[in-house]
Amino acid sequence: MGLTHRFISLDMRLSRTVRFGERVRLDIIAEGFNLFNRFNEASASPFIDDVNAFRQRASNGHYYSRPTAAYDPRQFQFGLKLNF
């Protein structure tokens, strides 16, 4: 069985509203995903040759497996939203 390390990610969103009169407003948005840029394994190899490849043990005595896929690295996203 392929074991992976824990998934840890910190996401943040900042927004600011700017009003133009009574009916029109502009939302300025900035978002960041996986801000610490931590490597998060999406899946691990189930093959017995790969399970003991790194010789890293979990707390329950099982060995971690070789990662075969990863989640996205740090990403930023910016946007404008006009409401009228």
PDB file of N, CA and C in Angstrom:
ATOM      1  N   MET A   1       0.848  -1.179   0.000  1.00  0.00           N
ATOM      2  CA  MET A   1       0.000   0.000   0.000  1.00  0.00           C
ATOM      3  C   MET A   1       0.887   1.233   0.000  1.00  0.00           C
ATOM      4  N   GLY A   2       0.621   2.182  -0.869  1.00  0.00           N
ATOM      5  CA  GLY A   2       1.422   3.392  -0.930  1.00  0.00           C
ATOM      6  C   GLY A   2       0.920   4.430   0.051  1.00  0.00           C
ATOM      7  N   LEU A   3       1.757   4.821   0.994  1.00  0.00           N
ATOM      8  CA  LEU A   3       1.401   5.859   1.954  1.00  0.00           C
ATOM      9  C   LEU A   3       1.977   7.193   1.510  1.00  0.00           C
ATOM     10  N   THR A   4       1.210   8.255   1.700  1.00  0.00           N
ATOM     11  CA  THR A   4       1.690   9.593   1.375  1.00  0.00           C
ATOM     12  C   THR A   4       1.808  10.413   2.653  1.00  0.00           C
ATOM     13  N   HIS A   5       2.577  11.495   2.577  1.00  0.00           N
ATOM     14  CA  HIS A   5       2.703  12.402   3.711  1.00  0.00           C
ATOM     15  C   HIS A   5       1.429  13.224   3.860  1.00  0.00           C
ATOM     16  N   ARG A   6       1.319  13.965   4.956  1.00  0.00           N
ATOM     17  CA  ARG A   6       0.128  14.772   5.198  1.00  0.00           C
ATOM     18  C   ARG A   6      -0.011  15.896   4.178  1.00  0.00           C
ATOM     19  N   PHE A   7      -1.253  16.263   3.900  1.00  0.00           N
ATOM     20  CA  PHE A   7      -1.554  17.374   3.006  1.00  0.00           C
ATOM     21  C   PHE A   7      -1.674  18.637   3.850  1.00  0.00           C
ATOM     22  N   ILE A   8      -0.849  19.640   3.557  1.00  0.00           N
ATOM     23  CA  ILE A   8      -0.888  20.909   4.278  1.00  0.00           C
ATOM     24  C   ILE A   8      -0.847  22.029   3.245  1.00  0.00           C
ATOM     25  N   SER A   9      -1.818  22.930   3.329  1.00  0.00           N
ATOM     26  CA  SER A   9      -1.875  24.041   2.390  1.00  0.00           C
ATOM     27  C   SER A   9      -2.517  25.240   3.076  1.00  0.00           C
ATOM     28  N   LEU A  10      -2.043  26.440   2.765  1.00  0.00           N
ATOM     29  CA  LEU A  10      -2.625  27.666   3.297  1.00  0.00           C
ATOM     30  C   LEU A  10      -3.048  28.534   2.128  1.00  0.00           C
ATOM     31  N   ASP A  11      -4.344  28.871   2.077  1.00  0.00           N
ATOM     32  CA  ASP A  11      -4.896  29.723   1.033  1.00  0.00           C
ATOM     33  C   ASP A  11      -5.364  31.029   1.676  1.00  0.00           C
ATOM     34  N   MET A  12      -5.289  32.119   0.918  1.00  0.00           N
ATOM     35  CA  MET A  12      -5.716  33.411   1.452  1.00  0.00           C
ATOM     36  C   MET A  12      -6.360  34.228   0.343  1.00  0.00           C
ATOM     37  N   ARG A  13      -7.369  35.022   0.740  1.00  0.00           N
ATOM     38  CA  ARG A  13      -8.050  35.909  -0.203  1.00  0.00           C
ATOM     39  C   ARG A  13      -8.159  37.292   0.426  1.00  0.00           C
ATOM     40  N   LEU A  14      -7.761  38.312  -0.328  1.00  0.00           N
ATOM     41  CA  LEU A  14      -7.896  39.702   0.081  1.00  0.00           C
ATOM     42  C   LEU A  14      -8.778  40.406  -0.930  1.00  0.00           C
ATOM     43  N   SER A  15      -9.723  41.215  -0.435  1.00  0.00           N
ATOM     44  CA  SER A  15     -10.584  41.948  -1.362  1.00  0.00           C
ATOM     45  C   SER A  15     -10.834  43.352  -0.826  1.00  0.00           C
ATOM     46  N   ARG A  16     -11.071  44.245  -1.751  1.00  0.00           N
ATOM     47  CA  ARG A  16     -11.328  45.644  -1.414  1.00  0.00           C
ATOM     48  C   ARG A  16     -12.438  46.138  -2.331  1.00  0.00           C
ATOM     49  N   THR A  17     -13.408  46.845  -1.761  1.00  0.00           N
ATOM     50  CA  THR A  17     -14.518  47.387  -2.537  1.00  0.00           C
ATOM     51  C   THR A  17     -14.329  48.888  -2.700  1.00  0.00           C
ATOM     52  N   VAL A  18     -14.440  49.361  -3.935  1.00  0.00           N
ATOM     53  CA  VAL A  18     -14.363  50.786  -4.243  1.00  0.00           C
ATOM     54  C   VAL A  18     -15.716  51.186  -4.821  1.00  0.00           C
ATOM     55  N   ARG A  19     -16.347  52.173  -4.207  1.00  0.00           N
ATOM     56  CA  ARG A  19     -17.677  52.608  -4.647  1.00  0.00           C
ATOM     57  C   ARG A  19     -17.571  53.823  -5.559  1.00  0.00           C
ATOM     58  N   PHE A  20     -18.377  53.810  -6.626  1.00  0.00           N
ATOM     59  CA  PHE A  20     -18.508  54.930  -7.551  1.00  0.00           C
ATOM     60  C   PHE A  20     -19.972  55.334  -7.546  1.00  0.00           C
ATOM     61  N   GLY A  21     -20.325  56.268  -6.714  1.00  0.00           N
ATOM     62  CA  GLY A  21     -21.727  56.670  -6.581  1.00  0.00           C
ATOM     63  C   GLY A  21     -22.485  55.669  -5.718  1.00  0.00           C
ATOM     64  N   GLU A  22     -23.813  55.663  -5.851  1.00  0.00           N
ATOM     65  CA  GLU A  22     -24.648  54.793  -5.023  1.00  0.00           C
ATOM     66  C   GLU A  22     -24.815  53.402  -5.610  1.00  0.00           C
ATOM     67  N   ARG A  23     -24.757  53.274  -6.936  1.00  0.00           N
ATOM     68  CA  ARG A  23     -25.122  52.000  -7.552  1.00  0.00           C
ATOM     69  C   ARG A  23     -23.956  51.223  -8.134  1.00  0.00           C
ATOM     70  N   VAL A  24     -22.834  51.816  -8.350  1.00  0.00           N
ATOM     71  CA  VAL A  24     -21.716  51.152  -9.017  1.00  0.00           C
ATOM     72  C   VAL A  24     -20.600  50.897  -8.005  1.00  0.00           C
ATOM     73  N   ARG A  25     -20.101  49.663  -8.014  1.00  0.00           N
ATOM     74  CA  ARG A  25     -18.960  49.356  -7.148  1.00  0.00           C
ATOM     75  C   ARG A  25     -18.012  48.398  -7.869  1.00  0.00           C
ATOM     76  N   LEU A  26     -16.741  48.517  -7.528  1.00  0.00           N
ATOM     77  CA  LEU A  26     -15.687  47.705  -8.113  1.00  0.00           C
ATOM     78  C   LEU A  26     -15.027  46.905  -7.000  1.00  0.00           C
ATOM     79  N   ASP A  27     -15.005  45.587  -7.146  1.00  0.00           N
ATOM     80  CA  ASP A  27     -14.326  44.716  -6.180  1.00  0.00           C
ATOM     81  C   ASP A  27     -12.966  44.345  -6.747  1.00  0.00           C
ATOM     82  N   ILE A  28     -11.905  44.605  -5.981  1.00  0.00           N
ATOM     83  CA  ILE A  28     -10.537  44.246  -6.348  1.00  0.00           C
ATOM     84  C   ILE A  28     -10.165  43.026  -5.513  1.00  0.00           C
ATOM     85  N   ILE A  29      -9.766  41.940  -6.161  1.00  0.00           N
ATOM     86  CA  ILE A  29      -9.571  40.653  -5.486  1.00  0.00           C
ATOM     87  C   ILE A  29      -8.165  40.120  -5.771  1.00  0.00           C
ATOM     88  N   ALA A  30      -7.502  39.642  -4.709  1.00  0.00           N
ATOM     89  CA  ALA A  30      -6.202  38.959  -4.843  1.00  0.00           C
ATOM     90  C   ALA A  30      -6.283  37.674  -4.024  1.00  0.00           C
ATOM     91  N   GLU A  31      -5.935  36.547  -4.643  1.00  0.00           N
ATOM     92  CA  GLU A  31      -5.986  35.251  -3.964  1.00  0.00           C
ATOM     93  C   GLU A  31      -4.651  34.541  -4.122  1.00  0.00           C
ATOM     94  N   GLY A  32      -4.271  33.812  -3.088  1.00  0.00           N
ATOM     95  CA  GLY A  32      -3.057  33.001  -3.132  1.00  0.00           C
ATOM     96  C   GLY A  32      -3.368  31.600  -2.644  1.00  0.00           C
ATOM     97  N   PHE A  33      -2.827  30.602  -3.315  1.00  0.00           N
ATOM     98  CA  PHE A  33      -3.068  29.211  -2.975  1.00  0.00           C
ATOM     99  C   PHE A  33      -1.743  28.526  -2.674  1.00  0.00           C
ATOM    100  N   ASN A  34      -1.708  27.683  -1.645  1.00  0.00           N
ATOM    101  CA  ASN A  34      -0.500  26.972  -1.210  1.00  0.00           C
ATOM    102  C   ASN A  34       0.635  27.986  -0.989  1.00  0.00           C
ATOM    103  N   LEU A  35       0.376  28.964  -0.120  1.00  0.00           N
ATOM    104  CA  LEU A  35       1.292  30.087   0.059  1.00  0.00           C
ATOM    105  C   LEU A  35       2.689  29.681   0.523  1.00  0.00           C
ATOM    106  N   PHE A  36       2.824  28.613   1.279  1.00  0.00           N
ATOM    107  CA  PHE A  36       4.152  28.182   1.733  1.00  0.00           C
ATOM    108  C   PHE A  36       4.846  27.294   0.705  1.00  0.00           C
ATOM    109  N   ASN A  37       4.182  27.053  -0.431  1.00  0.00           N
ATOM    110  CA  ASN A  37       4.738  26.267  -1.535  1.00  0.00           C
ATOM    111  C   ASN A  37       5.229  24.890  -1.074  1.00  0.00           C
ATOM    112  N   ARG A  38       4.446  24.236  -0.247  1.00  0.00           N
ATOM    113  CA  ARG A  38       4.803  22.913   0.269  1.00  0.00           C
ATOM    114  C   ARG A  38       4.488  21.854  -0.785  1.00  0.00           C
ATOM    115  N   PHE A  39       5.369  20.877  -0.926  1.00  0.00           N
ATOM    116  CA  PHE A  39       5.137  19.763  -1.840  1.00  0.00           C
ATOM    117  C   PHE A  39       4.097  18.836  -1.212  1.00  0.00           C
ATOM    118  N   ASN A  40       2.949  18.689  -1.859  1.00  0.00           N
ATOM    119  CA  ASN A  40       1.879  17.820  -1.393  1.00  0.00           C
ATOM    120  C   ASN A  40       1.691  16.689  -2.395  1.00  0.00           C
ATOM    121  N   GLU A  41       1.848  15.466  -1.914  1.00  0.00           N
ATOM    122  CA  GLU A  41       1.703  14.295  -2.774  1.00  0.00           C
ATOM    123  C   GLU A  41       0.234  14.020  -3.056  1.00  0.00           C
ATOM    124  N   ALA A  42      -0.106  13.805  -4.306  1.00  0.00           N
ATOM    125  CA  ALA A  42      -1.478  13.476  -4.681  1.00  0.00           C
ATOM    126  C   ALA A  42      -1.699  11.964  -4.650  1.00  0.00           C
ATOM    127  N   SER A  43      -0.691  11.197  -5.037  1.00  0.00           N
ATOM    128  CA  SER A  43      -0.796   9.741  -4.990  1.00  0.00           C
ATOM    129  C   SER A  43       0.597   9.142  -4.860  1.00  0.00           C
ATOM    130  N   ALA A  44       0.620   7.878  -4.477  1.00  0.00           N
ATOM    131  CA  ALA A  44       1.891   7.176  -4.268  1.00  0.00           C
ATOM    132  C   ALA A  44       1.858   5.845  -5.013  1.00  0.00           C
ATOM    133  N   SER A  45       3.034   5.368  -5.325  1.00  0.00           N
ATOM    134  CA  SER A  45       3.163   4.104  -6.045  1.00  0.00           C
ATOM    135  C   SER A  45       2.773   2.924  -5.143  1.00  0.00           C
ATOM    136  N   PRO A  46       1.946   2.006  -5.624  1.00  0.00           N
ATOM    137  CA  PRO A  46       1.545   0.858  -4.820  1.00  0.00           C
ATOM    138  C   PRO A  46       2.502  -0.336  -4.917  1.00  0.00           C
ATOM    139  N   PHE A  47       3.540  -0.241  -5.744  1.00  0.00           N
ATOM    140  CA  PHE A  47       4.430  -1.376  -5.968  1.00  0.00           C
ATOM    141  C   PHE A  47       5.376  -1.580  -4.796  1.00  0.00           C
ATOM    142  N   ILE A  48       5.647  -2.828  -4.461  1.00  0.00           N
ATOM    143  CA  ILE A  48       6.463  -3.166  -3.301  1.00  0.00           C
ATOM    144  C   ILE A  48       7.896  -2.656  -3.434  1.00  0.00           C
ATOM    145  N   ASP A  49       8.411  -2.579  -4.650  1.00  0.00           N
ATOM    146  CA  ASP A  49       9.772  -2.062  -4.843  1.00  0.00           C
ATOM    147  C   ASP A  49       9.874  -0.576  -4.509  1.00  0.00           C
ATOM    148  N   ASP A  50       8.784   0.169  -4.686  1.00  0.00           N
ATOM    149  CA  ASP A  50       8.788   1.606  -4.428  1.00  0.00           C
ATOM    150  C   ASP A  50       8.429   1.963  -2.990  1.00  0.00           C
ATOM    151  N   VAL A  51       7.818   1.052  -2.263  1.00  0.00           N
ATOM    152  CA  VAL A  51       7.359   1.363  -0.913  1.00  0.00           C
ATOM    153  C   VAL A  51       8.524   1.637   0.027  1.00  0.00           C
ATOM    154  N   ASN A  52       9.599   0.921  -0.102  1.00  0.00           N
ATOM    155  CA  ASN A  52      10.732   1.088   0.799  1.00  0.00           C
ATOM    156  C   ASN A  52      11.853   1.907   0.144  1.00  0.00           C
ATOM    157  N   ALA A  53      11.546   2.667  -0.902  1.00  0.00           N
ATOM    158  CA  ALA A  53      12.582   3.369  -1.670  1.00  0.00           C
ATOM    159  C   ALA A  53      13.289   4.444  -0.855  1.00  0.00           C
ATOM    160  N   PHE A  54      12.565   5.189  -0.027  1.00  0.00           N
ATOM    161  CA  PHE A  54      13.168   6.304   0.709  1.00  0.00           C
ATOM    162  C   PHE A  54      13.512   5.943   2.151  1.00  0.00           C
ATOM    163  N   ARG A  55      13.068   4.797   2.619  1.00  0.00           N
ATOM    164  CA  ARG A  55      13.296   4.332   3.991  1.00  0.00           C
ATOM    165  C   ARG A  55      12.824   5.346   5.039  1.00  0.00           C
ATOM    166  N   GLN A  56      11.699   5.994   4.765  1.00  0.00           N
ATOM    167  CA  GLN A  56      11.077   6.898   5.726  1.00  0.00           C
ATOM    168  C   GLN A  56       9.880   6.184   6.333  1.00  0.00           C
ATOM    169  N   ARG A  57       9.857   6.102   7.644  1.00  0.00           N
ATOM    170  CA  ARG A  57       8.772   5.392   8.318  1.00  0.00           C
ATOM    171  C   ARG A  57       7.731   6.338   8.872  1.00  0.00           C
ATOM    172  N   ALA A  58       6.479   5.922   8.787  1.00  0.00           N
ATOM    173  CA  ALA A  58       5.381   6.640   9.426  1.00  0.00           C
ATOM    174  C   ALA A  58       5.336   6.244  10.896  1.00  0.00           C
ATOM    175  N   SER A  59       4.516   6.937  11.683  1.00  0.00           N
ATOM    176  CA  SER A  59       4.436   6.640  13.119  1.00  0.00           C
ATOM    177  C   SER A  59       3.853   5.256  13.402  1.00  0.00           C
ATOM    178  N   ASN A  60       3.100   4.696  12.454  1.00  0.00           N
ATOM    179  CA  ASN A  60       2.522   3.372  12.662  1.00  0.00           C
ATOM    180  C   ASN A  60       3.446   2.250  12.178  1.00  0.00           C
ATOM    181  N   GLY A  61       4.661   2.582  11.738  1.00  0.00           N
ATOM    182  CA  GLY A  61       5.629   1.568  11.340  1.00  0.00           C
ATOM    183  C   GLY A  61       5.653   1.257   9.860  1.00  0.00           C
ATOM    184  N   HIS A  62       4.684   1.747   9.088  1.00  0.00           N
ATOM    185  CA  HIS A  62       4.665   1.524   7.646  1.00  0.00           C
ATOM    186  C   HIS A  62       5.648   2.475   6.961  1.00  0.00           C
ATOM    187  N   TYR A  63       6.111   2.089   5.794  1.00  0.00           N
ATOM    188  CA  TYR A  63       7.021   2.929   5.028  1.00  0.00           C
ATOM    189  C   TYR A  63       6.260   3.797   4.042  1.00  0.00           C
ATOM    190  N   TYR A  64       6.745   5.020   3.837  1.00  0.00           N
ATOM    191  CA  TYR A  64       6.168   5.875   2.809  1.00  0.00           C
ATOM    192  C   TYR A  64       6.584   5.376   1.435  1.00  0.00           C
ATOM    193  N   SER A  65       5.737   5.615   0.462  1.00  0.00           N
ATOM    194  CA  SER A  65       6.002   5.165  -0.897  1.00  0.00           C
ATOM    195  C   SER A  65       6.543   6.307  -1.757  1.00  0.00           C
ATOM    196  N   ARG A  66       6.990   5.973  -2.952  1.00  0.00           N
ATOM    197  CA  ARG A  66       7.484   6.971  -3.907  1.00  0.00           C
ATOM    198  C   ARG A  66       6.299   7.744  -4.470  1.00  0.00           C
ATOM    199  N   PRO A  67       6.336   9.085  -4.438  1.00  0.00           N
ATOM    200  CA  PRO A  67       5.217   9.866  -4.992  1.00  0.00           C
ATOM    201  C   PRO A  67       5.153   9.739  -6.511  1.00  0.00           C
ATOM    202  N   THR A  68       3.937   9.656  -7.036  1.00  0.00           N
ATOM    203  CA  THR A  68       3.747   9.557  -8.483  1.00  0.00           C
ATOM    204  C   THR A  68       2.987  10.754  -9.051  1.00  0.00           C
ATOM    205  N   ALA A  69       2.386  11.565  -8.190  1.00  0.00           N
ATOM    206  CA  ALA A  69       1.676  12.770  -8.635  1.00  0.00           C
ATOM    207  C   ALA A  69       1.700  13.786  -7.499  1.00  0.00           C
ATOM    208  N   ALA A  70       1.575  15.054  -7.849  1.00  0.00           N
ATOM    209  CA  ALA A  70       1.606  16.122  -6.854  1.00  0.00           C
ATOM    210  C   ALA A  70       0.499  17.133  -7.119  1.00  0.00           C
ATOM    211  N   TYR A  71       0.058  17.794  -6.039  1.00  0.00           N
ATOM    212  CA  TYR A  71      -0.912  18.878  -6.186  1.00  0.00           C
ATOM    213  C   TYR A  71      -0.189  20.131  -6.674  1.00  0.00           C
ATOM    214  N   ASP A  72      -0.949  21.149  -7.034  1.00  0.00           N
ATOM    215  CA  ASP A  72      -0.387  22.363  -7.620  1.00  0.00           C
ATOM    216  C   ASP A  72       0.559  23.087  -6.663  1.00  0.00           C
ATOM    217  N   PRO A  73       1.604  23.724  -7.206  1.00  0.00           N
ATOM    218  CA  PRO A  73       2.495  24.546  -6.381  1.00  0.00           C
ATOM    219  C   PRO A  73       1.823  25.887  -6.065  1.00  0.00           C
ATOM    220  N   ARG A  74       2.575  26.805  -5.485  1.00  0.00           N
ATOM    221  CA  ARG A  74       2.041  28.127  -5.136  1.00  0.00           C
ATOM    222  C   ARG A  74       1.484  28.806  -6.384  1.00  0.00           C
ATOM    223  N   GLN A  75       0.281  29.399  -6.209  1.00  0.00           N
ATOM    224  CA  GLN A  75      -0.367  30.097  -7.314  1.00  0.00           C
ATOM    225  C   GLN A  75      -0.999  31.379  -6.799  1.00  0.00           C
ATOM    226  N   PHE A  76      -1.036  32.399  -7.650  1.00  0.00           N
ATOM    227  CA  PHE A  76      -1.703  33.656  -7.332  1.00  0.00           C
ATOM    228  C   PHE A  76      -2.740  33.934  -8.407  1.00  0.00           C
ATOM    229  N   GLN A  77      -3.811  34.612  -7.978  1.00  0.00           N
ATOM    230  CA  GLN A  77      -4.900  34.931  -8.901  1.00  0.00           C
ATOM    231  C   GLN A  77      -5.403  36.326  -8.563  1.00  0.00           C
ATOM    232  N   PHE A  78      -5.585  37.161  -9.562  1.00  0.00           N
ATOM    233  CA  PHE A  78      -6.051  38.522  -9.365  1.00  0.00           C
ATOM    234  C   PHE A  78      -7.294  38.744 -10.207  1.00  0.00           C
ATOM    235  N   GLY A  79      -8.216  39.571  -9.686  1.00  0.00           N
ATOM    236  CA  GLY A  79      -9.435  39.796 -10.441  1.00  0.00           C
ATOM    237  C   GLY A  79     -10.096  41.123 -10.100  1.00  0.00           C
ATOM    238  N   LEU A  80     -10.937  41.559 -11.008  1.00  0.00           N
ATOM    239  CA  LEU A  80     -11.766  42.743 -10.843  1.00  0.00           C
ATOM    240  C   LEU A  80     -13.201  42.344 -11.116  1.00  0.00           C
ATOM    241  N   LYS A  81     -14.110  42.862 -10.286  1.00  0.00           N
ATOM    242  CA  LYS A  81     -15.527  42.551 -10.466  1.00  0.00           C
ATOM    243  C   LYS A  81     -16.301  43.874 -10.405  1.00  0.00           C
ATOM    244  N   LEU A  82     -17.007  44.187 -11.472  1.00  0.00           N
ATOM    245  CA  LEU A  82     -17.756  45.438 -11.557  1.00  0.00           C
ATOM    246  C   LEU A  82     -19.234  45.124 -11.370  1.00  0.00           C
ATOM    247  N   ASN A  83     -19.842  45.731 -10.360  1.00  0.00           N
ATOM    248  CA  ASN A  83     -21.274  45.574 -10.091  1.00  0.00           C
ATOM    249  C   ASN A  83     -21.965  46.890 -10.370  1.00  0.00           C
ATOM    250  N   PHE A  84     -23.039  46.837 -11.175  1.00  0.00           N
ATOM    251  CA  PHE A  84     -23.792  48.058 -11.460  1.00  0.00           C
ATOM    252  C   PHE A  84     -25.273  47.778 -11.533  1.00  0.00           C
TER     253      PHE A  84
END
